[in-house]
Amino acid sequence: MPAVARGNSRDGVNTEHGCAGATRTSGGSFDVLVNGTGVHRHNDDNVNHTIPCGDSCCGHSARIMLASPNVLANGKGVARQGDRYNNGCGSVSSGSNNVLANGG
Protein backbone atom coordinates (compact mmCIF):
# COMPACT_ATOMS: atom_id res chain seq x y z
CA MET A 1 0.00 0.00 0.00
CA PRO A 2 1.29 3.49 -0.81
CA ALA A 3 2.30 6.07 1.79
CA VAL A 4 -0.31 8.76 2.59
CA ALA A 5 0.74 12.27 1.52
CA ARG A 6 0.68 15.21 3.90
CA GLY A 7 0.00 18.83 2.93
CA ASN A 8 1.69 22.01 4.16
CA SER A 9 4.88 21.40 2.11
CA ARG A 10 5.58 18.22 4.08
CA ASP A 11 5.92 15.87 1.09
CA GLY A 12 7.57 16.08 -2.31
CA VAL A 13 6.10 16.29 -5.81
CA ASN A 14 7.90 15.27 -9.00
CA THR A 15 6.59 17.78 -11.57
CA GLU A 16 7.87 15.94 -14.66
CA HIS A 17 8.36 19.23 -16.53
CA GLY A 18 11.18 21.70 -17.11
CA CYS A 19 12.03 24.84 -15.15
CA ALA A 20 11.18 23.28 -11.76
CA GLY A 21 11.51 19.49 -11.68
CA ALA A 22 10.17 19.27 -8.14
CA THR A 23 7.88 21.07 -5.73
CA ARG A 24 6.00 20.23 -2.52
CA THR A 25 2.46 19.38 -1.46
CA SER A 26 0.43 22.38 -0.33
CA GLY A 27 -3.25 22.02 0.59
CA GLY A 28 -4.47 19.65 3.24
CA SER A 29 -7.13 18.93 5.81
CA PHE A 30 -7.38 21.16 8.87
CA ASP A 31 -8.74 18.40 11.09
CA VAL A 32 -7.55 15.04 9.72
CA LEU A 33 -3.86 14.71 10.53
CA VAL A 34 -1.13 12.30 9.48
CA ASN A 35 1.98 12.52 11.67
CA GLY A 36 0.72 15.90 12.96
CA THR A 37 0.19 17.44 9.50
CA GLY A 38 -3.08 17.80 7.55
CA VAL A 39 -3.58 14.97 5.06
CA HIS A 40 -3.29 15.92 1.36
CA ARG A 41 -6.58 15.09 -0.45
CA HIS A 42 -8.26 14.97 -3.84
CA ASN A 43 -8.30 18.50 -5.37
CA ASP A 44 -5.67 19.87 -2.94
CA ASP A 45 -2.94 21.91 -4.68
CA ASN A 46 0.80 21.57 -4.85
CA VAL A 47 3.08 24.55 -4.13
CA ASN A 48 3.28 27.14 -6.92
CA HIS A 49 6.29 26.38 -9.11
CA THR A 50 7.51 27.21 -12.61
CA ILE A 51 6.64 25.53 -15.89
CA PRO A 52 7.92 26.26 -19.42
CA CYS A 53 6.01 29.11 -21.14
CA GLY A 54 7.54 29.62 -24.56
CA ASP A 55 11.10 30.91 -24.07
CA SER A 56 10.71 31.51 -20.34
CA CYS A 57 9.18 30.01 -17.23
CA CYS A 58 5.96 31.06 -15.50
CA GLY A 59 4.31 30.03 -12.27
CA HIS A 60 1.48 27.56 -11.83
CA SER A 61 0.19 24.94 -9.43
CA ALA A 62 -1.95 21.85 -9.95
CA ARG A 63 -4.49 19.78 -8.04
CA ILE A 64 -4.43 16.11 -7.14
CA MET A 65 -6.70 14.39 -9.67
CA LEU A 66 -6.26 10.81 -8.48
CA ALA A 67 -6.56 9.78 -4.83
CA SER A 68 -7.74 6.79 -2.83
CA PRO A 69 -11.33 5.86 -3.75
CA ASN A 70 -12.01 4.24 -0.39
CA VAL A 71 -9.91 6.05 2.24
CA LEU A 72 -11.48 9.47 2.78
CA ALA A 73 -10.74 12.61 4.80
CA ASN A 74 -13.46 15.27 4.90
CA GLY A 75 -15.30 13.35 2.17
CA LYS A 76 -12.31 13.48 -0.21
CA GLY A 77 -9.95 10.66 -1.17
CA VAL A 78 -6.58 10.88 0.56
CA ALA A 79 -3.58 11.44 -1.70
CA ARG A 80 -0.84 8.84 -1.69
CA GLN A 81 2.68 8.50 -2.99
CA GLY A 82 2.38 8.01 -6.76
CA ASP A 83 -1.00 9.76 -7.10
CA ARG A 84 -1.10 12.21 -10.03
CA TYR A 85 -1.82 15.92 -10.38
CA ASN A 86 -3.80 17.51 -13.23
CA ASN A 87 -2.26 19.63 -16.03
CA GLY A 88 0.55 17.11 -16.58
CA CYS A 89 2.08 18.12 -13.29
CA GLY A 90 3.55 14.81 -12.16
CA SER A 91 2.89 12.92 -8.97
CA VAL A 92 3.40 12.81 -5.21
CA SER A 93 6.95 11.55 -4.65
CA SER A 94 6.94 11.01 -0.86
CA GLY A 95 4.56 10.35 2.01
CA SER A 96 4.31 9.15 5.59
CA ASN A 97 6.56 6.22 6.45
CA ASN A 98 3.96 4.74 8.79
CA VAL A 99 0.48 5.69 7.46
CA LEU A 100 -0.59 3.81 4.33
CA ALA A 101 -3.81 3.77 2.25
CA ASN A 102 -4.97 1.21 -0.28
CA GLY A 103 -5.90 1.99 -3.86
CA GLY A 104 -9.14 0.10 -4.11
PDB file of N, CA and C in Angstrom:
ATOM      1  N   MET A   1       0.844  -1.182   0.000  1.00  0.00           N
ATOM      2  CA  MET A   1       0.000   0.000   0.000  1.00  0.00           C
ATOM      3  C   MET A   1       0.888   1.243   0.000  1.00  0.00           C
ATOM      4  N   PRO A   2       0.478   2.268  -0.735  1.00  0.00           N
ATOM      5  CA  PRO A   2       1.287   3.486  -0.812  1.00  0.00           C
ATOM      6  C   PRO A   2       1.189   4.350   0.447  1.00  0.00           C
ATOM      7  N   ALA A   3       2.246   5.126   0.675  1.00  0.00           N
ATOM      8  CA  ALA A   3       2.296   6.068   1.794  1.00  0.00           C
ATOM      9  C   ALA A   3       1.306   7.202   1.584  1.00  0.00           C
ATOM     10  N   VAL A   4       0.624   7.634   2.645  1.00  0.00           N
ATOM     11  CA  VAL A   4      -0.310   8.758   2.589  1.00  0.00           C
ATOM     12  C   VAL A   4       0.482  10.063   2.558  1.00  0.00           C
ATOM     13  N   ALA A   5       0.066  10.974   1.662  1.00  0.00           N
ATOM     14  CA  ALA A   5       0.739  12.273   1.518  1.00  0.00           C
ATOM     15  C   ALA A   5       0.175  13.277   2.519  1.00  0.00           C
ATOM     16  N   ARG A   6       1.054  14.152   2.982  1.00  0.00           N
ATOM     17  CA  ARG A   6       0.681  15.209   3.903  1.00  0.00           C
ATOM     18  C   ARG A   6       0.818  16.554   3.207  1.00  0.00           C
ATOM     19  N   GLY A   7      -0.050  17.498   3.527  1.00  0.00           N
ATOM     20  CA  GLY A   7       0.000  18.832   2.935  1.00  0.00           C
ATOM     21  C   GLY A   7       1.018  19.713   3.619  1.00  0.00           C
ATOM     22  N   ASN A   8       0.861  21.027   3.477  1.00  0.00           N
ATOM     23  CA  ASN A   8       1.686  22.007   4.165  1.00  0.00           C
ATOM     24  C   ASN A   8       3.180  21.856   3.849  1.00  0.00           C
ATOM     25  N   SER A   9       3.494  21.551   2.583  1.00  0.00           N
ATOM     26  CA  SER A   9       4.883  21.401   2.108  1.00  0.00           C
ATOM     27  C   SER A   9       5.637  20.263   2.780  1.00  0.00           C
ATOM     28  N   ARG A  10       4.927  19.311   3.366  1.00  0.00           N
ATOM     29  CA  ARG A  10       5.582  18.219   4.078  1.00  0.00           C
ATOM     30  C   ARG A  10       6.151  17.162   3.131  1.00  0.00           C
ATOM     31  N   ASP A  11       5.465  16.923   1.997  1.00  0.00           N
ATOM     32  CA  ASP A  11       5.917  15.871   1.086  1.00  0.00           C
ATOM     33  C   ASP A  11       6.261  16.422  -0.293  1.00  0.00           C
ATOM     34  N   GLY A  12       7.066  15.664  -1.015  1.00  0.00           N
ATOM     35  CA  GLY A  12       7.568  16.084  -2.310  1.00  0.00           C
ATOM     36  C   GLY A  12       6.637  15.751  -3.464  1.00  0.00           C
ATOM     37  N   VAL A  13       6.836  16.503  -4.561  1.00  0.00           N
ATOM     38  CA  VAL A  13       6.097  16.293  -5.807  1.00  0.00           C
ATOM     39  C   VAL A  13       7.102  16.323  -6.953  1.00  0.00           C
ATOM     40  N   ASN A  14       7.087  15.306  -7.789  1.00  0.00           N
ATOM     41  CA  ASN A  14       7.902  15.271  -9.000  1.00  0.00           C
ATOM     42  C   ASN A  14       7.058  15.878 -10.112  1.00  0.00           C
ATOM     43  N   THR A  15       7.435  17.075 -10.607  1.00  0.00           N
ATOM     44  CA  THR A  15       6.590  17.784 -11.568  1.00  0.00           C
ATOM     45  C   THR A  15       6.631  17.201 -12.976  1.00  0.00           C
ATOM     46  N   GLU A  16       7.703  16.526 -13.331  1.00  0.00           N
ATOM     47  CA  GLU A  16       7.873  15.936 -14.665  1.00  0.00           C
ATOM     48  C   GLU A  16       7.859  16.977 -15.781  1.00  0.00           C
ATOM     49  N   HIS A  17       8.208  18.229 -15.472  1.00  0.00           N
ATOM     50  CA  HIS A  17       8.361  19.228 -16.529  1.00  0.00           C
ATOM     51  C   HIS A  17       9.539  20.146 -16.215  1.00  0.00           C
ATOM     52  N   GLY A  18      10.004  20.848 -17.244  1.00  0.00           N
ATOM     53  CA  GLY A  18      11.184  21.699 -17.110  1.00  0.00           C
ATOM     54  C   GLY A  18      10.977  22.865 -16.168  1.00  0.00           C
ATOM     55  N   CYS A  19      11.962  23.694 -16.063  1.00  0.00           N
ATOM     56  CA  CYS A  19      12.033  24.843 -15.153  1.00  0.00           C
ATOM     57  C   CYS A  19      12.168  24.359 -13.716  1.00  0.00           C
ATOM     58  N   ALA A  20      11.128  23.817 -13.123  1.00  0.00           N
ATOM     59  CA  ALA A  20      11.182  23.279 -11.764  1.00  0.00           C
ATOM     60  C   ALA A  20      10.802  21.806 -11.826  1.00  0.00           C
ATOM     61  N   GLY A  21      11.766  20.924 -11.599  1.00  0.00           N
ATOM     62  CA  GLY A  21      11.509  19.494 -11.676  1.00  0.00           C
ATOM     63  C   GLY A  21      10.838  18.928 -10.443  1.00  0.00           C
ATOM     64  N   ALA A  22      10.784  19.744  -9.378  1.00  0.00           N
ATOM     65  CA  ALA A  22      10.173  19.270  -8.141  1.00  0.00           C
ATOM     66  C   ALA A  22       9.521  20.432  -7.415  1.00  0.00           C
ATOM     67  N   THR A  23       8.530  20.094  -6.616  1.00  0.00           N
ATOM     68  CA  THR A  23       7.884  21.065  -5.731  1.00  0.00           C
ATOM     69  C   THR A  23       7.411  20.294  -4.508  1.00  0.00           C
ATOM     70  N   ARG A  24       6.487  20.854  -3.739  1.00  0.00           N
ATOM     71  CA  ARG A  24       5.999  20.227  -2.517  1.00  0.00           C
ATOM     72  C   ARG A  24       4.469  20.206  -2.522  1.00  0.00           C
ATOM     73  N   THR A  25       3.908  19.373  -1.678  1.00  0.00           N
ATOM     74  CA  THR A  25       2.464  19.377  -1.462  1.00  0.00           C
ATOM     75  C   THR A  25       2.081  20.683  -0.775  1.00  0.00           C
ATOM     76  N   SER A  26       0.859  21.138  -0.965  1.00  0.00           N
ATOM     77  CA  SER A  26       0.431  22.379  -0.330  1.00  0.00           C
ATOM     78  C   SER A  26      -0.821  22.144   0.501  1.00  0.00           C
ATOM     79  N   GLY A  27      -1.991  22.124  -0.140  1.00  0.00           N
ATOM     80  CA  GLY A  27      -3.250  22.021   0.588  1.00  0.00           C
ATOM     81  C   GLY A  27      -3.379  20.742   1.379  1.00  0.00           C
ATOM     82  N   GLY A  28      -4.215  20.820   2.424  1.00  0.00           N
ATOM     83  CA  GLY A  28      -4.471  19.653   3.239  1.00  0.00           C
ATOM     84  C   GLY A  28      -5.606  19.897   4.203  1.00  0.00           C
ATOM     85  N   SER A  29      -6.051  18.849   4.842  1.00  0.00           N
ATOM     86  CA  SER A  29      -7.135  18.929   5.807  1.00  0.00           C
ATOM     87  C   SER A  29      -6.696  19.715   7.043  1.00  0.00           C
ATOM     88  N   PHE A  30      -7.653  20.443   7.628  1.00  0.00           N
ATOM     89  CA  PHE A  30      -7.378  21.158   8.870  1.00  0.00           C
ATOM     90  C   PHE A  30      -7.621  20.280  10.094  1.00  0.00           C
ATOM     91  N   ASP A  31      -8.374  19.188   9.926  1.00  0.00           N
ATOM     92  CA  ASP A  31      -8.736  18.404  11.093  1.00  0.00           C
ATOM     93  C   ASP A  31      -8.497  16.899  10.972  1.00  0.00           C
ATOM     94  N   VAL A  32      -7.966  16.432   9.852  1.00  0.00           N
ATOM     95  CA  VAL A  32      -7.549  15.036   9.722  1.00  0.00           C
ATOM     96  C   VAL A  32      -6.043  15.068   9.507  1.00  0.00           C
ATOM     97  N   LEU A  33      -5.310  14.576  10.514  1.00  0.00           N
ATOM     98  CA  LEU A  33      -3.856  14.712  10.527  1.00  0.00           C
ATOM     99  C   LEU A  33      -3.168  13.376  10.324  1.00  0.00           C
ATOM    100  N   VAL A  34      -2.022  13.439   9.646  1.00  0.00           N
ATOM    101  CA  VAL A  34      -1.127  12.296   9.484  1.00  0.00           C
ATOM    102  C   VAL A  34       0.229  12.760   9.998  1.00  0.00           C
ATOM    103  N   ASN A  35       0.712  12.128  11.051  1.00  0.00           N
ATOM    104  CA  ASN A  35       1.979  12.519  11.670  1.00  0.00           C
ATOM    105  C   ASN A  35       1.979  14.005  12.048  1.00  0.00           C
ATOM    106  N   GLY A  36       0.830  14.518  12.495  1.00  0.00           N
ATOM    107  CA  GLY A  36       0.722  15.896  12.964  1.00  0.00           C
ATOM    108  C   GLY A  36       0.512  16.941  11.881  1.00  0.00           C
ATOM    109  N   THR A  37       0.384  16.514  10.621  1.00  0.00           N
ATOM    110  CA  THR A  37       0.185  17.440   9.497  1.00  0.00           C
ATOM    111  C   THR A  37      -1.091  17.061   8.761  1.00  0.00           C
ATOM    112  N   GLY A  38      -1.844  18.058   8.278  1.00  0.00           N
ATOM    113  CA  GLY A  38      -3.079  17.796   7.549  1.00  0.00           C
ATOM    114  C   GLY A  38      -2.846  16.901   6.346  1.00  0.00           C
ATOM    115  N   VAL A  39      -3.708  15.898   6.177  1.00  0.00           N
ATOM    116  CA  VAL A  39      -3.582  14.966   5.059  1.00  0.00           C
ATOM    117  C   VAL A  39      -3.883  15.690   3.744  1.00  0.00           C
ATOM    118  N   HIS A  40      -3.120  15.377   2.718  1.00  0.00           N
ATOM    119  CA  HIS A  40      -3.291  15.918   1.357  1.00  0.00           C
ATOM    120  C   HIS A  40      -4.393  15.103   0.694  1.00  0.00           C
ATOM    121  N   ARG A  41      -5.390  15.772   0.061  1.00  0.00           N
ATOM    122  CA  ARG A  41      -6.578  15.088  -0.445  1.00  0.00           C
ATOM    123  C   ARG A  41      -6.865  15.443  -1.898  1.00  0.00           C
ATOM    124  N   HIS A  42      -7.798  14.698  -2.488  1.00  0.00           N
ATOM    125  CA  HIS A  42      -8.264  14.966  -3.845  1.00  0.00           C
ATOM    126  C   HIS A  42      -8.597  16.454  -3.979  1.00  0.00           C
ATOM    127  N   ASN A  43      -8.128  17.073  -5.033  1.00  0.00           N
ATOM    128  CA  ASN A  43      -8.303  18.496  -5.366  1.00  0.00           C
ATOM    129  C   ASN A  43      -7.459  19.456  -4.531  1.00  0.00           C
ATOM    130  N   ASP A  44      -6.613  18.973  -3.616  1.00  0.00           N
ATOM    131  CA  ASP A  44      -5.668  19.868  -2.937  1.00  0.00           C
ATOM    132  C   ASP A  44      -4.535  20.214  -3.901  1.00  0.00           C
ATOM    133  N   ASP A  45      -3.990  21.412  -3.783  1.00  0.00           N
ATOM    134  CA  ASP A  45      -2.942  21.910  -4.682  1.00  0.00           C
ATOM    135  C   ASP A  45      -1.548  21.496  -4.242  1.00  0.00           C
ATOM    136  N   ASN A  46      -0.615  21.604  -5.204  1.00  0.00           N
ATOM    137  CA  ASN A  46       0.797  21.569  -4.845  1.00  0.00           C
ATOM    138  C   ASN A  46       1.293  23.013  -4.764  1.00  0.00           C
ATOM    139  N   VAL A  47       2.499  23.211  -4.278  1.00  0.00           N
ATOM    140  CA  VAL A  47       3.079  24.548  -4.134  1.00  0.00           C
ATOM    141  C   VAL A  47       3.338  25.145  -5.519  1.00  0.00           C
ATOM    142  N   ASN A  48       3.030  26.434  -5.670  1.00  0.00           N
ATOM    143  CA  ASN A  48       3.276  27.141  -6.925  1.00  0.00           C
ATOM    144  C   ASN A  48       4.741  26.960  -7.319  1.00  0.00           C
ATOM    145  N   HIS A  49       4.955  26.615  -8.567  1.00  0.00           N
ATOM    146  CA  HIS A  49       6.294  26.384  -9.113  1.00  0.00           C
ATOM    147  C   HIS A  49       6.289  26.816 -10.575  1.00  0.00           C
ATOM    148  N   THR A  50       7.428  26.731 -11.225  1.00  0.00           N
ATOM    149  CA  THR A  50       7.506  27.211 -12.607  1.00  0.00           C
ATOM    150  C   THR A  50       7.399  26.072 -13.610  1.00  0.00           C
ATOM    151  N   ILE A  51       6.849  26.440 -14.775  1.00  0.00           N
ATOM    152  CA  ILE A  51       6.636  25.525 -15.892  1.00  0.00           C
ATOM    153  C   ILE A  51       7.046  26.274 -17.165  1.00  0.00           C
ATOM    154  N   PRO A  52       7.548  25.573 -18.192  1.00  0.00           N
ATOM    155  CA  PRO A  52       7.920  26.264 -19.424  1.00  0.00           C
ATOM    156  C   PRO A  52       6.740  27.013 -20.059  1.00  0.00           C
ATOM    157  N   CYS A  53       6.988  28.254 -20.446  1.00  0.00           N
ATOM    158  CA  CYS A  53       6.013  29.108 -21.138  1.00  0.00           C
ATOM    159  C   CYS A  53       6.743  29.759 -22.307  1.00  0.00           C
ATOM    160  N   GLY A  54       6.794  29.091 -23.424  1.00  0.00           N
ATOM    161  CA  GLY A  54       7.544  29.618 -24.558  1.00  0.00           C
ATOM    162  C   GLY A  54       9.028  29.608 -24.247  1.00  0.00           C
ATOM    163  N   ASP A  55       9.665  30.795 -24.330  1.00  0.00           N
ATOM    164  CA  ASP A  55      11.098  30.906 -24.069  1.00  0.00           C
ATOM    165  C   ASP A  55      11.435  31.181 -22.613  1.00  0.00           C
ATOM    166  N   SER A  56      10.449  31.216 -21.750  1.00  0.00           N
ATOM    167  CA  SER A  56      10.712  31.509 -20.339  1.00  0.00           C
ATOM    168  C   SER A  56       9.940  30.529 -19.455  1.00  0.00           C
ATOM    169  N   CYS A  57       9.912  30.825 -18.194  1.00  0.00           N
ATOM    170  CA  CYS A  57       9.178  30.005 -17.228  1.00  0.00           C
ATOM    171  C   CYS A  57       8.154  30.883 -16.519  1.00  0.00           C
ATOM    172  N   CYS A  58       6.988  30.311 -16.244  1.00  0.00           N
ATOM    173  CA  CYS A  58       5.964  31.055 -15.504  1.00  0.00           C
ATOM    174  C   CYS A  58       5.395  30.148 -14.415  1.00  0.00           C
ATOM    175  N   GLY A  59       4.801  30.764 -13.420  1.00  0.00           N
ATOM    176  CA  GLY A  59       4.307  30.033 -12.269  1.00  0.00           C
ATOM    177  C   GLY A  59       2.962  29.364 -12.505  1.00  0.00           C
ATOM    178  N   HIS A  60       2.774  28.238 -11.836  1.00  0.00           N
ATOM    179  CA  HIS A  60       1.476  27.560 -11.829  1.00  0.00           C
ATOM    180  C   HIS A  60       1.475  26.550 -10.691  1.00  0.00           C
ATOM    181  N   SER A  61       0.317  26.053 -10.358  1.00  0.00           N
ATOM    182  CA  SER A  61       0.185  24.937  -9.429  1.00  0.00           C
ATOM    183  C   SER A  61      -0.868  24.004 -10.011  1.00  0.00           C
ATOM    184  N   ALA A  62      -0.996  22.832  -9.444  1.00  0.00           N
ATOM    185  CA  ALA A  62      -1.950  21.852  -9.950  1.00  0.00           C
ATOM    186  C   ALA A  62      -2.620  21.155  -8.777  1.00  0.00           C
ATOM    187  N   ARG A  63      -3.732  20.488  -9.069  1.00  0.00           N
ATOM    188  CA  ARG A  63      -4.489  19.779  -8.045  1.00  0.00           C
ATOM    189  C   ARG A  63      -4.365  18.268  -8.215  1.00  0.00           C
ATOM    190  N   ILE A  64      -4.405  17.577  -7.106  1.00  0.00           N
ATOM    191  CA  ILE A  64      -4.427  16.111  -7.144  1.00  0.00           C
ATOM    192  C   ILE A  64      -5.692  15.666  -7.879  1.00  0.00           C
ATOM    193  N   MET A  65      -5.526  14.861  -8.925  1.00  0.00           N
ATOM    194  CA  MET A  65      -6.698  14.395  -9.669  1.00  0.00           C
ATOM    195  C   MET A  65      -7.008  12.934  -9.389  1.00  0.00           C
ATOM    196  N   LEU A  66      -6.062  12.217  -8.820  1.00  0.00           N
ATOM    197  CA  LEU A  66      -6.259  10.813  -8.476  1.00  0.00           C
ATOM    198  C   LEU A  66      -5.914  10.650  -7.003  1.00  0.00           C
ATOM    199  N   ALA A  67      -6.791  10.028  -6.256  1.00  0.00           N
ATOM    200  CA  ALA A  67      -6.563   9.780  -4.832  1.00  0.00           C
ATOM    201  C   ALA A  67      -7.280   8.482  -4.473  1.00  0.00           C
ATOM    202  N   SER A  68      -7.111   8.038  -3.243  1.00  0.00           N
ATOM    203  CA  SER A  68      -7.742   6.789  -2.830  1.00  0.00           C
ATOM    204  C   SER A  68      -9.262   6.863  -2.979  1.00  0.00           C
ATOM    205  N   PRO A  69      -9.875   5.861  -3.614  1.00  0.00           N
ATOM    206  CA  PRO A  69     -11.327   5.861  -3.754  1.00  0.00           C
ATOM    207  C   PRO A  69     -12.048   5.389  -2.497  1.00  0.00           C
ATOM    208  N   ASN A  70     -11.313   4.789  -1.555  1.00  0.00           N
ATOM    209  CA  ASN A  70     -12.006   4.238  -0.394  1.00  0.00           C
ATOM    210  C   ASN A  70     -11.400   4.604   0.956  1.00  0.00           C
ATOM    211  N   VAL A  71     -10.403   5.482   0.986  1.00  0.00           N
ATOM    212  CA  VAL A  71      -9.913   6.051   2.239  1.00  0.00           C
ATOM    213  C   VAL A  71     -10.124   7.552   2.118  1.00  0.00           C
ATOM    214  N   LEU A  72     -11.037   8.085   2.933  1.00  0.00           N
ATOM    215  CA  LEU A  72     -11.477   9.470   2.784  1.00  0.00           C
ATOM    216  C   LEU A  72     -11.110  10.308   4.003  1.00  0.00           C
ATOM    217  N   ALA A  73     -10.904  11.604   3.761  1.00  0.00           N
ATOM    218  CA  ALA A  73     -10.740  12.610   4.805  1.00  0.00           C
ATOM    219  C   ALA A  73     -11.591  13.800   4.391  1.00  0.00           C
ATOM    220  N   ASN A  74     -12.541  14.172   5.210  1.00  0.00           N
ATOM    221  CA  ASN A  74     -13.458  15.268   4.899  1.00  0.00           C
ATOM    222  C   ASN A  74     -14.227  14.994   3.610  1.00  0.00           C
ATOM    223  N   GLY A  75     -14.544  13.723   3.349  1.00  0.00           N
ATOM    224  CA  GLY A  75     -15.305  13.349   2.167  1.00  0.00           C
ATOM    225  C   GLY A  75     -14.499  13.322   0.879  1.00  0.00           C
ATOM    226  N   LYS A  76     -13.185  13.493   0.970  1.00  0.00           N
ATOM    227  CA  LYS A  76     -12.311  13.475  -0.214  1.00  0.00           C
ATOM    228  C   LYS A  76     -11.313  12.342  -0.070  1.00  0.00           C
ATOM    229  N   GLY A  77     -10.957  11.714  -1.201  1.00  0.00           N
ATOM    230  CA  GLY A  77      -9.949  10.662  -1.172  1.00  0.00           C
ATOM    231  C   GLY A  77      -8.605  11.208  -0.712  1.00  0.00           C
ATOM    232  N   VAL A  78      -7.906  10.447   0.129  1.00  0.00           N
ATOM    233  CA  VAL A  78      -6.579  10.879   0.564  1.00  0.00           C
ATOM    234  C   VAL A  78      -5.562  10.636  -0.552  1.00  0.00           C
ATOM    235  N   ALA A  79      -4.638  11.566  -0.695  1.00  0.00           N
ATOM    236  CA  ALA A  79      -3.582  11.442  -1.704  1.00  0.00           C
ATOM    237  C   ALA A  79      -2.479  10.550  -1.157  1.00  0.00           C
ATOM    238  N   ARG A  80      -1.879   9.779  -2.068  1.00  0.00           N
ATOM    239  CA  ARG A  80      -0.836   8.838  -1.692  1.00  0.00           C
ATOM    240  C   ARG A  80       0.367   8.997  -2.606  1.00  0.00           C
ATOM    241  N   GLN A  81       1.484   8.501  -2.151  1.00  0.00           N
ATOM    242  CA  GLN A  81       2.681   8.505  -2.988  1.00  0.00           C
ATOM    243  C   GLN A  81       2.350   7.842  -4.309  1.00  0.00           C
ATOM    244  N   GLY A  82       2.659   8.522  -5.416  1.00  0.00           N
ATOM    245  CA  GLY A  82       2.385   8.011  -6.756  1.00  0.00           C
ATOM    246  C   GLY A  82       1.115   8.577  -7.367  1.00  0.00           C
ATOM    247  N   ASP A  83       0.219   9.169  -6.554  1.00  0.00           N
ATOM    248  CA  ASP A  83      -0.998   9.762  -7.104  1.00  0.00           C
ATOM    249  C   ASP A  83      -0.646  10.980  -7.942  1.00  0.00           C
ATOM    250  N   ARG A  84      -1.430  11.214  -9.001  1.00  0.00           N
ATOM    251  CA  ARG A  84      -1.105  12.209 -10.025  1.00  0.00           C
ATOM    252  C   ARG A  84      -1.874  13.511  -9.869  1.00  0.00           C
ATOM    253  N   TYR A  85      -1.224  14.581 -10.321  1.00  0.00           N
ATOM    254  CA  TYR A  85      -1.818  15.915 -10.381  1.00  0.00           C
ATOM    255  C   TYR A  85      -2.358  16.174 -11.780  1.00  0.00           C
ATOM    256  N   ASN A  86      -3.274  17.145 -11.916  1.00  0.00           N
ATOM    257  CA  ASN A  86      -3.795  17.506 -13.227  1.00  0.00           C
ATOM    258  C   ASN A  86      -2.779  18.381 -13.971  1.00  0.00           C
ATOM    259  N   ASN A  87      -3.103  18.776 -15.180  1.00  0.00           N
ATOM    260  CA  ASN A  87      -2.263  19.632 -16.026  1.00  0.00           C
ATOM    261  C   ASN A  87      -0.876  19.056 -16.281  1.00  0.00           C
ATOM    262  N   GLY A  88      -0.744  17.733 -16.305  1.00  0.00           N
ATOM    263  CA  GLY A  88       0.548  17.112 -16.582  1.00  0.00           C
ATOM    264  C   GLY A  88       1.606  17.443 -15.560  1.00  0.00           C
ATOM    265  N   CYS A  89       1.188  17.616 -14.325  1.00  0.00           N
ATOM    266  CA  CYS A  89       2.084  18.116 -13.286  1.00  0.00           C
ATOM    267  C   CYS A  89       2.645  17.028 -12.387  1.00  0.00           C
ATOM    268  N   GLY A  90       2.842  15.845 -12.898  1.00  0.00           N
ATOM    269  CA  GLY A  90       3.546  14.811 -12.164  1.00  0.00           C
ATOM    270  C   GLY A  90       2.758  14.160 -11.049  1.00  0.00           C
ATOM    271  N   SER A  91       3.495  13.720 -10.025  1.00  0.00           N
ATOM    272  CA  SER A  91       2.885  12.918  -8.973  1.00  0.00           C
ATOM    273  C   SER A  91       3.541  13.169  -7.620  1.00  0.00           C
ATOM    274  N   VAL A  92       2.861  12.736  -6.575  1.00  0.00           N
ATOM    275  CA  VAL A  92       3.397  12.810  -5.215  1.00  0.00           C
ATOM    276  C   VAL A  92       4.604  11.876  -5.146  1.00  0.00           C
ATOM    277  N   SER A  93       5.734  12.372  -4.662  1.00  0.00           N
ATOM    278  CA  SER A  93       6.952  11.554  -4.647  1.00  0.00           C
ATOM    279  C   SER A  93       7.335  11.053  -3.255  1.00  0.00           C
ATOM    280  N   SER A  94       6.648  11.509  -2.204  1.00  0.00           N
ATOM    281  CA  SER A  94       6.940  11.010  -0.859  1.00  0.00           C
ATOM    282  C   SER A  94       5.672  11.052  -0.024  1.00  0.00           C
ATOM    283  N   GLY A  95       5.710  10.392   1.121  1.00  0.00           N
ATOM    284  CA  GLY A  95       4.561  10.354   2.013  1.00  0.00           C
ATOM    285  C   GLY A  95       4.989   9.832   3.366  1.00  0.00           C
ATOM    286  N   SER A  96       4.038   9.641   4.244  1.00  0.00           N
ATOM    287  CA  SER A  96       4.306   9.155   5.593  1.00  0.00           C
ATOM    288  C   SER A  96       4.957   7.777   5.541  1.00  0.00           C
ATOM    289  N   ASN A  97       5.926   7.547   6.432  1.00  0.00           N
ATOM    290  CA  ASN A  97       6.562   6.224   6.451  1.00  0.00           C
ATOM    291  C   ASN A  97       5.798   5.231   7.301  1.00  0.00           C
ATOM    292  N   ASN A  98       4.701   5.687   7.967  1.00  0.00           N
ATOM    293  CA  ASN A  98       3.957   4.742   8.790  1.00  0.00           C
ATOM    294  C   ASN A  98       2.438   4.851   8.693  1.00  0.00           C
ATOM    295  N   VAL A  99       1.917   5.628   7.723  1.00  0.00           N
ATOM    296  CA  VAL A  99       0.484   5.688   7.461  1.00  0.00           C
ATOM    297  C   VAL A  99       0.292   5.386   5.985  1.00  0.00           C
ATOM    298  N   LEU A 100      -0.429   4.306   5.689  1.00  0.00           N
ATOM    299  CA  LEU A 100      -0.589   3.810   4.331  1.00  0.00           C
ATOM    300  C   LEU A 100      -2.074   3.751   3.984  1.00  0.00           C
ATOM    301  N   ALA A 101      -2.410   3.859   2.695  1.00  0.00           N
ATOM    302  CA  ALA A 101      -3.806   3.765   2.251  1.00  0.00           C
ATOM    303  C   ALA A 101      -3.871   2.947   0.970  1.00  0.00           C
ATOM    304  N   ASN A 102      -4.856   2.064   0.904  1.00  0.00           N
ATOM    305  CA  ASN A 102      -4.974   1.212  -0.283  1.00  0.00           C
ATOM    306  C   ASN A 102      -5.569   1.983  -1.463  1.00  0.00           C
ATOM    307  N   GLY A 103      -5.439   1.354  -2.620  1.00  0.00           N
ATOM    308  CA  GLY A 103      -5.898   1.994  -3.855  1.00  0.00           C
ATOM    309  C   GLY A 103      -7.233   1.485  -4.353  1.00  0.00           C
ATOM    310  N   GLY A 104      -7.817   0.552  -3.705  1.00  0.00           N
ATOM    311  CA  GLY A 104      -9.138   0.100  -4.111  1.00  0.00           C
ATOM    312  C   GLY A 104      -9.171  -1.236  -4.745  1.00  0.00           C
TER     313      GLY A 104
END
